[in-house]
């Protein structure tokens, strides 16, 4: 995982107070996105895309 991806995931995890399970799910989806794109490492864009698939509570 590149440093930008690591920082984005860390920042969102802290800001949104993700559980360990939520963190793992985002990481797993991002890994799948990177695999489908043929990349060996997870990029910041992969984390951002994985986060875009999450449901967010209203007002949050």
PDB file of N, CA and C in Angstrom:
ATOM      1  N   UNK A   1       0.854  -1.167   0.000  1.00  0.00           N
ATOM      2  CA  UNK A   1       0.000   0.000   0.000  1.00  0.00           C
ATOM      3  C   UNK A   1       0.900   1.230   0.000  1.00  0.00           C
ATOM      4  N   UNK A   2       0.580   2.179  -0.872  1.00  0.00           N
ATOM      5  CA  UNK A   2       1.424   3.366  -0.922  1.00  0.00           C
ATOM      6  C   UNK A   2       1.109   4.300   0.261  1.00  0.00           C
ATOM      7  N   UNK A   3       2.035   5.199   0.606  1.00  0.00           N
ATOM      8  CA  UNK A   3       1.849   6.062   1.783  1.00  0.00           C
ATOM      9  C   UNK A   3       0.592   6.923   1.723  1.00  0.00           C
ATOM     10  N   UNK A   4       0.221   7.400   0.538  1.00  0.00           N
ATOM     11  CA  UNK A   4      -0.991   8.198   0.408  1.00  0.00           C
ATOM     12  C   UNK A   4      -2.242   7.396   0.728  1.00  0.00           C
ATOM     13  N   UNK A   5      -2.253   6.148   0.291  1.00  0.00           N
ATOM     14  CA  UNK A   5      -3.385   5.263   0.572  1.00  0.00           C
ATOM     15  C   UNK A   5      -3.478   4.967   2.062  1.00  0.00           C
ATOM     16  N   UNK A   6      -2.329   4.707   2.657  1.00  0.00           N
ATOM     17  CA  UNK A   6      -2.289   4.415   4.100  1.00  0.00           C
ATOM     18  C   UNK A   6      -2.803   5.605   4.912  1.00  0.00           C
ATOM     19  N   UNK A   7      -2.377   6.822   4.534  1.00  0.00           N
ATOM     20  CA  UNK A   7      -2.802   8.021   5.251  1.00  0.00           C
ATOM     21  C   UNK A   7      -4.295   8.276   5.077  1.00  0.00           C
ATOM     22  N   UNK A   8      -4.797   8.119   3.841  1.00  0.00           N
ATOM     23  CA  UNK A   8      -6.228   8.323   3.595  1.00  0.00           C
ATOM     24  C   UNK A   8      -7.055   7.363   4.439  1.00  0.00           C
ATOM     25  N   UNK A   9      -6.702   6.091   4.429  1.00  0.00           N
ATOM     26  CA  UNK A   9      -7.454   5.102   5.195  1.00  0.00           C
ATOM     27  C   UNK A   9      -7.377   5.399   6.684  1.00  0.00           C
ATOM     28  N   UNK A  10      -6.206   5.768   7.163  1.00  0.00           N
ATOM     29  CA  UNK A  10      -6.028   6.093   8.573  1.00  0.00           C
ATOM     30  C   UNK A  10      -6.864   7.309   8.971  1.00  0.00           C
ATOM     31  N   UNK A  11      -6.836   8.347   8.136  1.00  0.00           N
ATOM     32  CA  UNK A  11      -7.587   9.569   8.435  1.00  0.00           C
ATOM     33  C   UNK A  11      -9.095   9.315   8.464  1.00  0.00           C
ATOM     34  N   UNK A  12      -9.591   8.595   7.463  1.00  0.00           N
ATOM     35  CA  UNK A  12     -11.030   8.325   7.406  1.00  0.00           C
ATOM     36  C   UNK A  12     -11.444   7.398   8.543  1.00  0.00           C
ATOM     37  N   UNK A  13     -10.624   6.425   8.855  1.00  0.00           N
ATOM     38  CA  UNK A  13     -10.919   5.507   9.956  1.00  0.00           C
ATOM     39  C   UNK A  13     -11.062   6.272  11.271  1.00  0.00           C
ATOM     40  N   UNK A  14     -10.162   7.199  11.509  1.00  0.00           N
ATOM     41  CA  UNK A  14     -10.214   7.980  12.746  1.00  0.00           C
ATOM     42  C   UNK A  14     -11.389   8.959  12.736  1.00  0.00           C
ATOM     43  N   UNK A  15     -11.575   9.658  11.625  1.00  0.00           N
ATOM     44  CA  UNK A  15     -12.623  10.684  11.544  1.00  0.00           C
ATOM     45  C   UNK A  15     -14.016  10.071  11.645  1.00  0.00           C
ATOM     46  N   UNK A  16     -14.215   8.939  10.965  1.00  0.00           N
ATOM     47  CA  UNK A  16     -15.529   8.276  10.956  1.00  0.00           C
ATOM     48  C   UNK A  16     -15.677   7.232  12.058  1.00  0.00           C
ATOM     49  N   UNK A  17     -14.624   7.046  12.839  1.00  0.00           N
ATOM     50  CA  UNK A  17     -14.626   6.076  13.948  1.00  0.00           C
ATOM     51  C   UNK A  17     -15.029   4.677  13.473  1.00  0.00           C
ATOM     52  N   UNK A  18     -14.345   4.215  12.431  1.00  0.00           N
ATOM     53  CA  UNK A  18     -14.595   2.885  11.903  1.00  0.00           C
ATOM     54  C   UNK A  18     -14.190   1.829  12.917  1.00  0.00           C
ATOM     55  N   UNK A  19     -14.932   0.746  12.937  1.00  0.00           N
ATOM     56  CA  UNK A  19     -14.538  -0.413  13.725  1.00  0.00           C
ATOM     57  C   UNK A  19     -13.418  -1.129  12.966  1.00  0.00           C
ATOM     58  N   UNK A  20     -12.786  -2.068  13.629  1.00  0.00           N
ATOM     59  CA  UNK A  20     -11.740  -2.852  12.972  1.00  0.00           C
ATOM     60  C   UNK A  20     -12.322  -3.621  11.786  1.00  0.00           C
ATOM     61  N   UNK A  21     -13.556  -4.079  11.936  1.00  0.00           N
ATOM     62  CA  UNK A  21     -14.206  -4.811  10.842  1.00  0.00           C
ATOM     63  C   UNK A  21     -14.448  -3.895   9.639  1.00  0.00           C
ATOM     64  N   UNK A  22     -14.888  -2.671   9.880  1.00  0.00           N
ATOM     65  CA  UNK A  22     -15.107  -1.713   8.787  1.00  0.00           C
ATOM     66  C   UNK A  22     -13.800  -1.388   8.081  1.00  0.00           C
ATOM     67  N   UNK A  23     -12.754  -1.201   8.860  1.00  0.00           N
ATOM     68  CA  UNK A  23     -11.423  -0.918   8.308  1.00  0.00           C
ATOM     69  C   UNK A  23     -10.991  -2.070   7.403  1.00  0.00           C
ATOM     70  N   UNK A  24     -11.165  -3.292   7.874  1.00  0.00           N
ATOM     71  CA  UNK A  24     -10.780  -4.476   7.098  1.00  0.00           C
ATOM     72  C   UNK A  24     -11.588  -4.596   5.813  1.00  0.00           C
ATOM     73  N   UNK A  25     -12.867  -4.284   5.892  1.00  0.00           N
ATOM     74  CA  UNK A  25     -13.713  -4.379   4.701  1.00  0.00           C
ATOM     75  C   UNK A  25     -13.284  -3.389   3.634  1.00  0.00           C
ATOM     76  N   UNK A  26     -12.996  -2.155   4.039  1.00  0.00           N
ATOM     77  CA  UNK A  26     -12.534  -1.155   3.074  1.00  0.00           C
ATOM     78  C   UNK A  26     -11.229  -1.629   2.443  1.00  0.00           C
ATOM     79  N   UNK A  27     -10.327  -2.129   3.267  1.00  0.00           N
ATOM     80  CA  UNK A  27      -9.042  -2.609   2.777  1.00  0.00           C
ATOM     81  C   UNK A  27      -9.220  -3.786   1.810  1.00  0.00           C
ATOM     82  N   UNK A  28     -10.135  -4.679   2.128  1.00  0.00           N
ATOM     83  CA  UNK A  28     -10.384  -5.845   1.269  1.00  0.00           C
ATOM     84  C   UNK A  28     -10.951  -5.418  -0.087  1.00  0.00           C
ATOM     85  N   UNK A  29     -11.881  -4.467  -0.082  1.00  0.00           N
ATOM     86  CA  UNK A  29     -12.448  -3.979  -1.342  1.00  0.00           C
ATOM     87  C   UNK A  29     -11.371  -3.256  -2.147  1.00  0.00           C
ATOM     88  N   UNK A  30     -10.559  -2.442  -1.474  1.00  0.00           N
ATOM     89  CA  UNK A  30      -9.473  -1.727  -2.161  1.00  0.00           C
ATOM     90  C   UNK A  30      -8.472  -2.709  -2.772  1.00  0.00           C
ATOM     91  N   UNK A  31      -8.186  -3.785  -2.071  1.00  0.00           N
ATOM     92  CA  UNK A  31      -7.277  -4.813  -2.603  1.00  0.00           C
ATOM     93  C   UNK A  31      -7.859  -5.433  -3.861  1.00  0.00           C
ATOM     94  N   UNK A  32      -9.163  -5.695  -3.865  1.00  0.00           N
ATOM     95  CA  UNK A  32      -9.825  -6.253  -5.042  1.00  0.00           C
ATOM     96  C   UNK A  32      -9.772  -5.276  -6.212  1.00  0.00           C
ATOM     97  N   UNK A  33      -9.985  -3.995  -5.941  1.00  0.00           N
ATOM     98  CA  UNK A  33      -9.929  -2.971  -6.981  1.00  0.00           C
ATOM     99  C   UNK A  33      -8.530  -2.925  -7.590  1.00  0.00           C
ATOM    100  N   UNK A  34      -7.514  -2.939  -6.747  1.00  0.00           N
ATOM    101  CA  UNK A  34      -6.132  -2.924  -7.230  1.00  0.00           C
ATOM    102  C   UNK A  34      -5.827  -4.178  -8.052  1.00  0.00           C
ATOM    103  N   UNK A  35      -6.300  -5.325  -7.596  1.00  0.00           N
ATOM    104  CA  UNK A  35      -6.088  -6.574  -8.342  1.00  0.00           C
ATOM    105  C   UNK A  35      -6.727  -6.510  -9.722  1.00  0.00           C
ATOM    106  N   UNK A  36      -7.948  -6.021  -9.784  1.00  0.00           N
ATOM    107  CA  UNK A  36      -8.648  -5.935 -11.073  1.00  0.00           C
ATOM    108  C   UNK A  36      -7.962  -4.954 -12.020  1.00  0.00           C
ATOM    109  N   UNK A  37      -7.296  -3.949 -11.452  1.00  0.00           N
ATOM    110  CA  UNK A  37      -6.564  -2.977 -12.271  1.00  0.00           C
ATOM    111  C   UNK A  37      -5.163  -3.470 -12.621  1.00  0.00           C
ATOM    112  N   UNK A  38      -4.775  -4.614 -12.061  1.00  0.00           N
ATOM    113  CA  UNK A  38      -3.469  -5.192 -12.368  1.00  0.00           C
ATOM    114  C   UNK A  38      -2.320  -4.566 -11.599  1.00  0.00           C
ATOM    115  N   UNK A  39      -2.621  -3.935 -10.470  1.00  0.00           N
ATOM    116  CA  UNK A  39      -1.578  -3.306  -9.662  1.00  0.00           C
ATOM    117  C   UNK A  39      -1.202  -4.206  -8.487  1.00  0.00           C
ATOM    118  N   UNK A  40       0.089  -4.227  -8.171  1.00  0.00           N
ATOM    119  CA  UNK A  40       0.566  -5.043  -7.055  1.00  0.00           C
ATOM    120  C   UNK A  40       0.294  -4.373  -5.714  1.00  0.00           C
ATOM    121  N   UNK A  41       0.261  -3.050  -5.714  1.00  0.00           N
ATOM    122  CA  UNK A  41       0.065  -2.303  -4.464  1.00  0.00           C
ATOM    123  C   UNK A  41      -1.241  -1.526  -4.519  1.00  0.00           C
ATOM    124  N   UNK A  42      -1.838  -1.324  -3.360  1.00  0.00           N
ATOM    125  CA  UNK A  42      -3.061  -0.531  -3.259  1.00  0.00           C
ATOM    126  C   UNK A  42      -2.688   0.945  -3.348  1.00  0.00           C
ATOM    127  N   UNK A  43      -3.361   1.659  -4.242  1.00  0.00           N
ATOM    128  CA  UNK A  43      -3.116   3.092  -4.425  1.00  0.00           C
ATOM    129  C   UNK A  43      -4.177   3.899  -3.675  1.00  0.00           C
ATOM    130  N   UNK A  44      -3.901   5.189  -3.518  1.00  0.00           N
ATOM    131  CA  UNK A  44      -4.839   6.091  -2.845  1.00  0.00           C
ATOM    132  C   UNK A  44      -6.198   6.067  -3.551  1.00  0.00           C
ATOM    133  N   UNK A  45      -6.177   6.022  -4.874  1.00  0.00           N
ATOM    134  CA  UNK A  45      -7.424   5.989  -5.646  1.00  0.00           C
ATOM    135  C   UNK A  45      -8.234   4.727  -5.355  1.00  0.00           C
ATOM    136  N   UNK A  46      -7.567   3.617  -5.068  1.00  0.00           N
ATOM    137  CA  UNK A  46      -8.265   2.369  -4.740  1.00  0.00           C
ATOM    138  C   UNK A  46      -8.998   2.498  -3.410  1.00  0.00           C
ATOM    139  N   UNK A  47      -8.344   3.117  -2.433  1.00  0.00           N
ATOM    140  CA  UNK A  47      -8.984   3.355  -1.130  1.00  0.00           C
ATOM    141  C   UNK A  47     -10.166   4.294  -1.311  1.00  0.00           C
ATOM    142  N   UNK A  48      -9.972   5.368  -2.075  1.00  0.00           N
ATOM    143  CA  UNK A  48     -11.053   6.331  -2.307  1.00  0.00           C
ATOM    144  C   UNK A  48     -12.250   5.650  -2.981  1.00  0.00           C
ATOM    145  N   UNK A  49     -11.982   4.795  -3.967  1.00  0.00           N
ATOM    146  CA  UNK A  49     -13.069   4.089  -4.635  1.00  0.00           C
ATOM    147  C   UNK A  49     -13.769   3.134  -3.676  1.00  0.00           C
ATOM    148  N   UNK A  50     -13.010   2.408  -2.885  1.00  0.00           N
ATOM    149  CA  UNK A  50     -13.606   1.492  -1.910  1.00  0.00           C
ATOM    150  C   UNK A  50     -14.485   2.258  -0.919  1.00  0.00           C
ATOM    151  N   UNK A  51     -14.029   3.419  -0.495  1.00  0.00           N
ATOM    152  CA  UNK A  51     -14.821   4.239   0.426  1.00  0.00           C
ATOM    153  C   UNK A  51     -16.100   4.740  -0.241  1.00  0.00           C
ATOM    154  N   UNK A  52     -16.046   4.972  -1.533  1.00  0.00           N
ATOM    155  CA  UNK A  52     -17.233   5.476  -2.241  1.00  0.00           C
ATOM    156  C   UNK A  52     -18.345   4.442  -2.286  1.00  0.00           C
ATOM    157  N   UNK A  53     -18.030   3.173  -2.097  1.00  0.00           N
ATOM    158  CA  UNK A  53     -19.037   2.122  -2.112  1.00  0.00           C
ATOM    159  C   UNK A  53     -19.710   1.922  -0.753  1.00  0.00           C
ATOM    160  N   UNK A  54     -19.191   2.567   0.271  1.00  0.00           N
ATOM    161  CA  UNK A  54     -19.775   2.435   1.612  1.00  0.00           C
ATOM    162  C   UNK A  54     -21.064   3.237   1.728  1.00  0.00           C
ATOM    163  N   UNK A  55     -21.944   2.768   2.566  1.00  0.00           N
ATOM    164  CA  UNK A  55     -23.132   3.548   2.911  1.00  0.00           C
ATOM    165  C   UNK A  55     -22.746   4.449   4.078  1.00  0.00           C
ATOM    166  N   UNK A  56     -23.120   5.704   3.971  1.00  0.00           N
ATOM    167  CA  UNK A  56     -22.823   6.659   5.043  1.00  0.00           C
ATOM    168  C   UNK A  56     -24.135   7.053   5.707  1.00  0.00           C
ATOM    169  N   UNK A  57     -24.126   7.186   7.027  1.00  0.00           N
ATOM    170  CA  UNK A  57     -25.351   7.596   7.707  1.00  0.00           C
ATOM    171  C   UNK A  57     -25.778   8.998   7.276  1.00  0.00           C
ATOM    172  N   UNK A  58     -27.075   9.248   7.298  1.00  0.00           N
ATOM    173  CA  UNK A  58     -27.599  10.558   6.930  1.00  0.00           C
ATOM    174  C   UNK A  58     -26.998  11.625   7.847  1.00  0.00           C
ATOM    175  N   UNK A  59     -26.572  12.709   7.247  1.00  0.00           N
ATOM    176  CA  UNK A  59     -25.993  13.799   8.029  1.00  0.00           C
ATOM    177  C   UNK A  59     -24.554  13.564   8.417  1.00  0.00           C
ATOM    178  N   UNK A  60     -23.941  12.451   7.990  1.00  0.00           N
ATOM    179  CA  UNK A  60     -22.577  12.148   8.397  1.00  0.00           C
ATOM    180  C   UNK A  60     -21.698  12.096   7.264  1.00  0.00           C
TER     181      UNK A  60
END
